[in-house]
Amino acid sequence: MQFEVSEAEVKQAQIPHNLLIMGLFAFNLLMAPAVIVLKLGMAGLLIPLFSTGGLIAGIYLRSRKPTSWFVDAHWHLAFRHSRWLASGYAISAVLIFIAWLVSLSANSTSMGHILWIALTRIAILPTMAGLMVTAILEAGALSHASKREVPDNLVAIFPPSA
């Protein structure tokens, strides 16, 4: 649904989407490989997790601060999209926990190490899928903001103020 809003509101509505997209690339596509190259281990992968979690928390908190309805709707939309990435992280965390349990139950330490490496590489896939889905949704949302649009399903949940 398209709305009559000022150019300043359009620019403000683009901020959450730009912020989330930049965070996706900085924290996940750049920082995660850097952690692997620096050989910080699996604990080092908590750095992108906490960075992304902080970004999502910041978007959530900002989405609760009322300004103009159009801008607020786009902050809510950015938070809704960020839940895809958070879900990917949650699924990956469960799979990494399962990989840890499986590697502990191996007969030898070398087999446990091999299982740990193989299963953790597979466990990261839900995070990557969530990352790609979030990036695609945010690119569309950025386009919506520039066209002065808010998706109809969000308008139904978060109706404009009178």
N, C-alpha and C. Protein backbone atom coordinates (compact mmCIF):
# COMPACT_ATOMS: atom_id res chain seq x y z
N MET A 1 0.84 -1.16 0.00
CA MET A 1 0.00 0.00 0.00
C MET A 1 0.90 1.24 0.00
N GLN A 2 0.56 2.19 -0.83
CA GLN A 2 1.38 3.39 -0.99
C GLN A 2 0.80 4.52 -0.14
N PHE A 3 1.72 5.35 0.41
CA PHE A 3 1.32 6.43 1.29
C PHE A 3 1.95 7.74 0.86
N GLU A 4 1.29 8.83 1.21
CA GLU A 4 1.81 10.17 0.95
C GLU A 4 2.70 10.56 2.11
N VAL A 5 4.02 10.51 1.91
CA VAL A 5 4.96 10.89 2.97
C VAL A 5 6.03 11.79 2.36
N SER A 6 6.70 12.52 3.22
CA SER A 6 7.74 13.45 2.76
C SER A 6 9.01 12.70 2.40
N GLU A 7 9.88 13.39 1.69
CA GLU A 7 11.17 12.81 1.31
C GLU A 7 12.01 12.52 2.55
N ALA A 8 11.89 13.35 3.57
CA ALA A 8 12.63 13.13 4.82
C ALA A 8 12.18 11.83 5.49
N GLU A 9 10.86 11.57 5.46
CA GLU A 9 10.35 10.32 6.05
C GLU A 9 10.82 9.11 5.24
N VAL A 10 10.91 9.25 3.93
CA VAL A 10 11.40 8.16 3.09
C VAL A 10 12.84 7.82 3.48
N LYS A 11 13.66 8.84 3.65
CA LYS A 11 15.06 8.62 4.03
C LYS A 11 15.15 7.99 5.41
N GLN A 12 14.32 8.42 6.34
CA GLN A 12 14.31 7.83 7.68
C GLN A 12 13.81 6.38 7.64
N ALA A 13 12.87 6.09 6.75
CA ALA A 13 12.33 4.73 6.63
C ALA A 13 13.36 3.78 6.01
N GLN A 14 14.29 4.31 5.24
CA GLN A 14 15.33 3.47 4.64
C GLN A 14 16.43 3.11 5.63
N ILE A 15 16.57 3.87 6.71
CA ILE A 15 17.64 3.65 7.68
C ILE A 15 17.63 2.24 8.27
N PRO A 16 16.50 1.71 8.76
CA PRO A 16 16.56 0.37 9.35
C PRO A 16 16.97 -0.71 8.35
N HIS A 17 16.55 -0.57 7.13
CA HIS A 17 16.88 -1.56 6.12
C HIS A 17 18.36 -1.48 5.74
N ASN A 18 18.86 -0.26 5.58
CA ASN A 18 20.29 -0.09 5.30
C ASN A 18 21.14 -0.61 6.47
N LEU A 19 20.70 -0.32 7.67
CA LEU A 19 21.42 -0.76 8.86
C LEU A 19 21.48 -2.28 8.94
N LEU A 20 20.36 -2.93 8.70
CA LEU A 20 20.32 -4.39 8.76
C LEU A 20 21.15 -5.01 7.64
N ILE A 21 21.07 -4.48 6.44
CA ILE A 21 21.86 -5.03 5.33
C ILE A 21 23.35 -4.86 5.60
N MET A 22 23.75 -3.67 6.08
CA MET A 22 25.17 -3.46 6.38
C MET A 22 25.63 -4.40 7.50
N GLY A 23 24.77 -4.60 8.50
CA GLY A 23 25.10 -5.53 9.57
C GLY A 23 25.23 -6.96 9.08
N LEU A 24 24.35 -7.35 8.16
CA LEU A 24 24.44 -8.71 7.60
C LEU A 24 25.79 -8.94 6.96
N PHE A 25 26.20 -7.99 6.15
CA PHE A 25 27.47 -8.16 5.44
C PHE A 25 28.66 -8.01 6.35
N ALA A 26 28.64 -7.03 7.24
CA ALA A 26 29.79 -6.79 8.11
C ALA A 26 29.96 -7.90 9.14
N PHE A 27 28.88 -8.26 9.81
CA PHE A 27 28.98 -9.20 10.91
C PHE A 27 29.00 -10.66 10.47
N ASN A 28 28.35 -10.97 9.37
CA ASN A 28 28.22 -12.38 8.99
C ASN A 28 29.09 -12.76 7.80
N LEU A 29 29.08 -11.96 6.76
CA LEU A 29 29.83 -12.34 5.56
C LEU A 29 31.29 -11.91 5.62
N LEU A 30 31.63 -10.96 6.45
CA LEU A 30 33.03 -10.56 6.57
C LEU A 30 33.66 -11.04 7.88
N MET A 31 32.94 -10.86 8.99
CA MET A 31 33.52 -11.19 10.29
C MET A 31 33.63 -12.70 10.51
N ALA A 32 32.63 -13.47 10.10
CA ALA A 32 32.68 -14.92 10.32
C ALA A 32 33.86 -15.57 9.60
N PRO A 33 34.10 -15.28 8.32
CA PRO A 33 35.31 -15.85 7.69
C PRO A 33 36.61 -15.34 8.33
N ALA A 34 36.62 -14.09 8.78
CA ALA A 34 37.81 -13.56 9.44
C ALA A 34 38.10 -14.33 10.73
N VAL A 35 37.06 -14.68 11.46
CA VAL A 35 37.23 -15.46 12.69
C VAL A 35 37.82 -16.83 12.36
N ILE A 36 37.37 -17.42 11.26
CA ILE A 36 37.89 -18.74 10.85
C ILE A 36 39.35 -18.62 10.42
N VAL A 37 39.69 -17.59 9.64
CA VAL A 37 41.06 -17.39 9.17
C VAL A 37 41.99 -17.12 10.34
N LEU A 38 41.54 -16.37 11.33
CA LEU A 38 42.37 -16.06 12.49
C LEU A 38 42.46 -17.24 13.46
N LYS A 39 41.77 -18.32 13.15
CA LYS A 39 41.79 -19.56 13.94
C LYS A 39 41.42 -19.31 15.40
N LEU A 40 40.31 -18.60 15.59
CA LEU A 40 39.82 -18.35 16.93
C LEU A 40 38.95 -19.49 17.44
N GLY A 41 38.67 -20.45 16.59
CA GLY A 41 37.89 -21.62 16.99
C GLY A 41 36.40 -21.35 17.00
N MET A 42 35.67 -22.35 17.49
CA MET A 42 34.22 -22.23 17.52
C MET A 42 33.78 -21.12 18.47
N ALA A 43 34.53 -20.88 19.52
CA ALA A 43 34.17 -19.79 20.44
C ALA A 43 34.26 -18.44 19.72
N GLY A 44 35.14 -18.32 18.74
CA GLY A 44 35.27 -17.09 17.97
C GLY A 44 34.04 -16.80 17.13
N LEU A 45 33.29 -17.85 16.80
CA LEU A 45 32.06 -17.64 16.03
C LEU A 45 30.96 -17.00 16.87
N LEU A 46 31.20 -16.88 18.17
CA LEU A 46 30.25 -16.16 19.01
C LEU A 46 30.32 -14.66 18.76
N ILE A 47 31.43 -14.18 18.22
CA ILE A 47 31.58 -12.74 17.93
C ILE A 47 30.54 -12.29 16.92
N PRO A 48 30.42 -12.95 15.74
CA PRO A 48 29.34 -12.55 14.82
C PRO A 48 27.95 -12.76 15.41
N LEU A 49 27.78 -13.81 16.20
CA LEU A 49 26.48 -14.07 16.82
C LEU A 49 26.08 -12.93 17.75
N PHE A 50 26.98 -12.52 18.63
CA PHE A 50 26.66 -11.44 19.57
C PHE A 50 26.54 -10.10 18.86
N SER A 51 27.34 -9.88 17.83
CA SER A 51 27.24 -8.64 17.06
C SER A 51 25.89 -8.55 16.37
N THR A 52 25.48 -9.63 15.74
CA THR A 52 24.19 -9.68 15.07
C THR A 52 23.05 -9.57 16.08
N GLY A 53 23.20 -10.26 17.20
CA GLY A 53 22.19 -10.17 18.25
C GLY A 53 22.03 -8.75 18.77
N GLY A 54 23.15 -8.05 18.93
CA GLY A 54 23.08 -6.65 19.35
C GLY A 54 22.40 -5.78 18.32
N LEU A 55 22.68 -6.04 17.06
CA LEU A 55 22.03 -5.28 15.98
C LEU A 55 20.52 -5.52 15.98
N ILE A 56 20.13 -6.78 16.09
CA ILE A 56 18.70 -7.11 16.11
C ILE A 56 18.03 -6.49 17.34
N ALA A 57 18.69 -6.54 18.48
CA ALA A 57 18.14 -5.93 19.69
C ALA A 57 17.99 -4.41 19.52
N GLY A 58 18.97 -3.79 18.88
CA GLY A 58 18.88 -2.35 18.63
C GLY A 58 17.74 -2.01 17.70
N ILE A 59 17.54 -2.81 16.67
CA ILE A 59 16.41 -2.58 15.75
C ILE A 59 15.09 -2.79 16.49
N TYR A 60 15.04 -3.81 17.33
CA TYR A 60 13.82 -4.06 18.11
C TYR A 60 13.51 -2.87 19.02
N LEU A 61 14.51 -2.41 19.76
CA LEU A 61 14.28 -1.29 20.68
C LEU A 61 13.87 -0.03 19.93
N ARG A 62 14.49 0.23 18.79
CA ARG A 62 14.13 1.41 18.00
C ARG A 62 12.73 1.26 17.41
N SER A 63 12.32 0.03 17.09
CA SER A 63 10.99 -0.16 16.53
C SER A 63 9.89 0.13 17.55
N ARG A 64 10.23 0.15 18.82
CA ARG A 64 9.26 0.46 19.88
C ARG A 64 9.18 1.96 20.18
N LYS A 65 10.05 2.76 19.58
CA LYS A 65 10.06 4.20 19.82
C LYS A 65 9.17 4.88 18.77
N PRO A 66 8.08 5.51 19.20
CA PRO A 66 7.16 6.09 18.21
C PRO A 66 7.67 7.40 17.60
N THR A 67 7.60 7.46 16.29
CA THR A 67 7.86 8.70 15.54
C THR A 67 6.71 8.82 14.55
N SER A 68 6.99 8.95 13.28
CA SER A 68 5.90 8.96 12.30
C SER A 68 5.54 7.51 11.96
N TRP A 69 4.28 7.29 11.61
CA TRP A 69 3.81 5.93 11.38
C TRP A 69 4.59 5.23 10.27
N PHE A 70 4.86 5.91 9.18
CA PHE A 70 5.55 5.30 8.04
C PHE A 70 6.95 4.83 8.45
N VAL A 71 7.67 5.66 9.16
CA VAL A 71 9.02 5.30 9.61
C VAL A 71 8.94 4.14 10.60
N ASP A 72 8.01 4.21 11.54
CA ASP A 72 7.84 3.13 12.52
C ASP A 72 7.50 1.81 11.85
N ALA A 73 6.67 1.87 10.82
CA ALA A 73 6.30 0.64 10.09
C ALA A 73 7.53 -0.01 9.48
N HIS A 74 8.44 0.78 8.97
CA HIS A 74 9.65 0.20 8.36
C HIS A 74 10.62 -0.33 9.42
N TRP A 75 10.65 0.28 10.60
CA TRP A 75 11.45 -0.31 11.69
C TRP A 75 10.86 -1.65 12.10
N HIS A 76 9.53 -1.73 12.18
CA HIS A 76 8.87 -3.01 12.49
C HIS A 76 9.16 -4.05 11.41
N LEU A 77 9.13 -3.62 10.16
CA LEU A 77 9.40 -4.53 9.05
C LEU A 77 10.83 -5.05 9.11
N ALA A 78 11.78 -4.19 9.41
CA ALA A 78 13.18 -4.62 9.52
C ALA A 78 13.32 -5.63 10.66
N PHE A 79 12.65 -5.39 11.77
CA PHE A 79 12.72 -6.35 12.88
C PHE A 79 12.08 -7.68 12.48
N ARG A 80 10.94 -7.63 11.79
CA ARG A 80 10.30 -8.88 11.35
C ARG A 80 11.22 -9.67 10.44
N HIS A 81 11.93 -8.99 9.55
CA HIS A 81 12.85 -9.68 8.65
C HIS A 81 14.07 -10.22 9.40
N SER A 82 14.51 -9.52 10.42
CA SER A 82 15.69 -9.98 11.16
C SER A 82 15.40 -11.26 11.93
N ARG A 83 14.13 -11.55 12.16
CA ARG A 83 13.80 -12.80 12.85
C ARG A 83 14.16 -14.03 12.01
N TRP A 84 14.22 -13.89 10.68
CA TRP A 84 14.68 -15.01 9.85
C TRP A 84 16.12 -15.36 10.18
N LEU A 85 16.95 -14.35 10.32
CA LEU A 85 18.36 -14.58 10.65
C LEU A 85 18.48 -15.15 12.06
N ALA A 86 17.72 -14.61 13.00
CA ALA A 86 17.75 -15.12 14.36
C ALA A 86 17.31 -16.59 14.41
N SER A 87 16.33 -16.94 13.60
CA SER A 87 15.89 -18.34 13.53
C SER A 87 16.99 -19.24 12.97
N GLY A 88 17.68 -18.75 11.96
CA GLY A 88 18.81 -19.51 11.40
C GLY A 88 19.88 -19.74 12.44
N TYR A 89 20.19 -18.71 13.22
CA TYR A 89 21.17 -18.87 14.30
C TYR A 89 20.70 -19.88 15.34
N ALA A 90 19.42 -19.83 15.69
CA ALA A 90 18.90 -20.75 16.70
C ALA A 90 18.97 -22.20 16.22
N ILE A 91 18.61 -22.43 14.97
CA ILE A 91 18.68 -23.79 14.42
C ILE A 91 20.13 -24.25 14.37
N SER A 92 21.03 -23.37 13.96
CA SER A 92 22.46 -23.72 13.92
C SER A 92 22.98 -24.05 15.31
N ALA A 93 22.54 -23.29 16.32
CA ALA A 93 22.99 -23.56 17.69
C ALA A 93 22.56 -24.95 18.15
N VAL A 94 21.33 -25.32 17.84
CA VAL A 94 20.84 -26.66 18.20
C VAL A 94 21.65 -27.73 17.47
N LEU A 95 21.91 -27.52 16.18
CA LEU A 95 22.68 -28.50 15.41
C LEU A 95 24.13 -28.59 15.89
N ILE A 96 24.71 -27.48 16.30
CA ILE A 96 26.08 -27.52 16.83
C ILE A 96 26.10 -28.26 18.16
N PHE A 97 25.08 -28.07 18.97
CA PHE A 97 24.98 -28.81 20.23
C PHE A 97 24.88 -30.31 19.96
N ILE A 98 24.07 -30.68 18.98
CA ILE A 98 23.94 -32.10 18.61
C ILE A 98 25.27 -32.62 18.08
N ALA A 99 25.96 -31.82 17.27
CA ALA A 99 27.28 -32.23 16.75
C ALA A 99 28.26 -32.45 17.90
N TRP A 100 28.20 -31.61 18.91
CA TRP A 100 29.08 -31.76 20.06
C TRP A 100 28.78 -33.07 20.79
N LEU A 101 27.47 -33.38 20.97
CA LEU A 101 27.11 -34.63 21.62
C LEU A 101 27.55 -35.85 20.82
N VAL A 102 27.36 -35.78 19.49
CA VAL A 102 27.76 -36.90 18.63
C VAL A 102 29.28 -37.07 18.66
N SER A 103 30.02 -35.97 18.63
CA SER A 103 31.49 -36.09 18.64
C SER A 103 31.99 -36.62 19.98
N LEU A 104 31.29 -36.33 21.05
CA LEU A 104 31.68 -36.88 22.36
C LEU A 104 31.44 -38.38 22.44
N SER A 105 30.46 -38.86 21.71
CA SER A 105 30.13 -40.28 21.78
C SER A 105 30.96 -41.14 20.83
N ALA A 106 31.87 -40.54 20.09
CA ALA A 106 32.71 -41.30 19.15
C ALA A 106 33.66 -42.22 19.92
N ASN A 107 34.05 -43.32 19.27
CA ASN A 107 34.92 -44.30 19.90
C ASN A 107 36.34 -43.79 20.13
N SER A 108 36.84 -43.00 19.21
CA SER A 108 38.21 -42.47 19.36
C SER A 108 38.19 -40.95 19.25
N THR A 109 39.23 -40.33 19.77
CA THR A 109 39.29 -38.87 19.73
C THR A 109 39.43 -38.36 18.30
N SER A 110 40.16 -39.09 17.46
CA SER A 110 40.32 -38.63 16.08
C SER A 110 38.99 -38.70 15.32
N MET A 111 38.23 -39.75 15.57
CA MET A 111 36.92 -39.86 14.93
C MET A 111 35.99 -38.78 15.46
N GLY A 112 36.07 -38.49 16.75
CA GLY A 112 35.26 -37.42 17.34
C GLY A 112 35.60 -36.07 16.72
N HIS A 113 36.90 -35.84 16.48
CA HIS A 113 37.33 -34.58 15.85
C HIS A 113 36.80 -34.47 14.43
N ILE A 114 36.87 -35.56 13.68
CA ILE A 114 36.37 -35.57 12.31
C ILE A 114 34.87 -35.32 12.29
N LEU A 115 34.13 -35.98 13.17
CA LEU A 115 32.69 -35.78 13.26
C LEU A 115 32.36 -34.33 13.63
N TRP A 116 33.11 -33.78 14.58
CA TRP A 116 32.88 -32.41 15.02
C TRP A 116 33.06 -31.44 13.86
N ILE A 117 34.16 -31.59 13.11
CA ILE A 117 34.44 -30.69 11.98
C ILE A 117 33.34 -30.82 10.93
N ALA A 118 33.01 -32.05 10.56
CA ALA A 118 32.01 -32.27 9.50
C ALA A 118 30.63 -31.76 9.90
N LEU A 119 30.22 -32.09 11.10
CA LEU A 119 28.86 -31.73 11.52
C LEU A 119 28.72 -30.23 11.79
N THR A 120 29.76 -29.58 12.28
CA THR A 120 29.64 -28.14 12.51
C THR A 120 29.60 -27.37 11.20
N ARG A 121 30.27 -27.87 10.18
CA ARG A 121 30.19 -27.21 8.87
C ARG A 121 28.78 -27.31 8.31
N ILE A 122 28.14 -28.43 8.54
CA ILE A 122 26.75 -28.61 8.10
C ILE A 122 25.82 -27.75 8.95
N ALA A 123 26.11 -27.64 10.24
CA ALA A 123 25.25 -26.90 11.17
C ALA A 123 25.19 -25.41 10.86
N ILE A 124 26.18 -24.88 10.18
CA ILE A 124 26.21 -23.45 9.87
C ILE A 124 25.28 -23.11 8.70
N LEU A 125 24.85 -24.10 7.95
CA LEU A 125 23.99 -23.86 6.79
C LEU A 125 22.67 -23.14 7.11
N PRO A 126 21.97 -23.47 8.20
CA PRO A 126 20.74 -22.70 8.49
C PRO A 126 21.01 -21.21 8.71
N THR A 127 22.14 -20.88 9.30
CA THR A 127 22.47 -19.47 9.48
C THR A 127 22.69 -18.81 8.12
N MET A 128 23.38 -19.50 7.23
CA MET A 128 23.61 -18.93 5.90
C MET A 128 22.30 -18.79 5.13
N ALA A 129 21.40 -19.76 5.28
CA ALA A 129 20.09 -19.65 4.62
C ALA A 129 19.30 -18.47 5.20
N GLY A 130 19.31 -18.32 6.51
CA GLY A 130 18.64 -17.19 7.14
C GLY A 130 19.24 -15.87 6.71
N LEU A 131 20.54 -15.86 6.54
CA LEU A 131 21.24 -14.65 6.08
C LEU A 131 20.80 -14.27 4.67
N MET A 132 20.74 -15.23 3.79
CA MET A 132 20.33 -14.94 2.41
C MET A 132 18.86 -14.52 2.33
N VAL A 133 17.99 -15.19 3.08
CA VAL A 133 16.57 -14.82 3.07
C VAL A 133 16.41 -13.40 3.61
N THR A 134 17.11 -13.08 4.70
CA THR A 134 17.01 -11.75 5.29
C THR A 134 17.53 -10.69 4.31
N ALA A 135 18.63 -10.97 3.64
CA ALA A 135 19.18 -10.01 2.68
C ALA A 135 18.21 -9.74 1.53
N ILE A 136 17.59 -10.79 1.03
CA ILE A 136 16.63 -10.63 -0.07
C ILE A 136 15.40 -9.86 0.40
N LEU A 137 14.88 -10.21 1.58
CA LEU A 137 13.71 -9.49 2.10
C LEU A 137 14.03 -8.02 2.35
N GLU A 138 15.21 -7.74 2.87
CA GLU A 138 15.58 -6.36 3.15
C GLU A 138 15.81 -5.55 1.87
N ALA A 139 16.31 -6.18 0.83
CA ALA A 139 16.46 -5.47 -0.44
C ALA A 139 15.08 -5.07 -0.97
N GLY A 140 14.12 -5.96 -0.84
CA GLY A 140 12.75 -5.63 -1.24
C GLY A 140 12.14 -4.56 -0.36
N ALA A 141 12.42 -4.62 0.93
CA ALA A 141 11.87 -3.62 1.86
C ALA A 141 12.48 -2.25 1.60
N LEU A 142 13.74 -2.22 1.23
CA LEU A 142 14.39 -0.95 0.90
C LEU A 142 13.72 -0.33 -0.33
N SER A 143 13.37 -1.17 -1.28
CA SER A 143 12.64 -0.71 -2.46
C SER A 143 11.25 -0.19 -2.08
N HIS A 144 10.58 -0.90 -1.16
CA HIS A 144 9.27 -0.44 -0.69
C HIS A 144 9.38 0.94 -0.05
N ALA A 145 10.41 1.14 0.77
CA ALA A 145 10.56 2.43 1.45
C ALA A 145 10.78 3.55 0.44
N SER A 146 11.59 3.29 -0.57
CA SER A 146 11.86 4.34 -1.56
C SER A 146 10.63 4.64 -2.42
N LYS A 147 9.72 3.67 -2.57
CA LYS A 147 8.48 3.89 -3.33
C LYS A 147 7.34 4.37 -2.45
N ARG A 148 7.64 4.64 -1.17
CA ARG A 148 6.64 5.10 -0.20
C ARG A 148 5.56 4.05 0.05
N GLU A 149 5.98 2.78 0.10
CA GLU A 149 5.04 1.68 0.29
C GLU A 149 5.30 0.99 1.62
N VAL A 150 4.24 0.37 2.12
CA VAL A 150 4.32 -0.52 3.28
C VAL A 150 3.55 -1.77 2.87
N PRO A 151 4.11 -2.98 3.08
CA PRO A 151 3.39 -4.20 2.69
C PRO A 151 2.01 -4.28 3.37
N ASP A 152 1.04 -4.80 2.63
CA ASP A 152 -0.34 -4.88 3.12
C ASP A 152 -0.46 -5.68 4.40
N ASN A 153 0.30 -6.79 4.51
CA ASN A 153 0.19 -7.60 5.73
C ASN A 153 0.70 -6.85 6.95
N LEU A 154 1.67 -5.95 6.79
CA LEU A 154 2.14 -5.13 7.91
C LEU A 154 1.13 -4.04 8.24
N VAL A 155 0.46 -3.49 7.22
CA VAL A 155 -0.58 -2.49 7.47
C VAL A 155 -1.72 -3.10 8.27
N ALA A 156 -2.04 -4.37 8.00
CA ALA A 156 -3.11 -5.04 8.74
C ALA A 156 -2.74 -5.23 10.20
N ILE A 157 -1.46 -5.54 10.46
CA ILE A 157 -1.00 -5.78 11.83
C ILE A 157 -0.73 -4.45 12.56
N PHE A 158 -0.16 -3.51 11.83
CA PHE A 158 0.29 -2.22 12.38
C PHE A 158 -0.41 -1.10 11.61
N PRO A 159 -1.72 -0.88 11.90
CA PRO A 159 -2.49 0.09 11.09
C PRO A 159 -2.01 1.52 11.28
N PRO A 160 -2.15 2.33 10.23
CA PRO A 160 -1.72 3.73 10.34
C PRO A 160 -2.56 4.50 11.34
N SER A 161 -1.92 5.45 11.99
CA SER A 161 -2.65 6.28 12.94
C SER A 161 -3.55 7.25 12.17
N ALA A 162 -4.62 7.61 12.78
CA ALA A 162 -5.61 8.46 12.10
C ALA A 162 -5.11 9.88 11.93
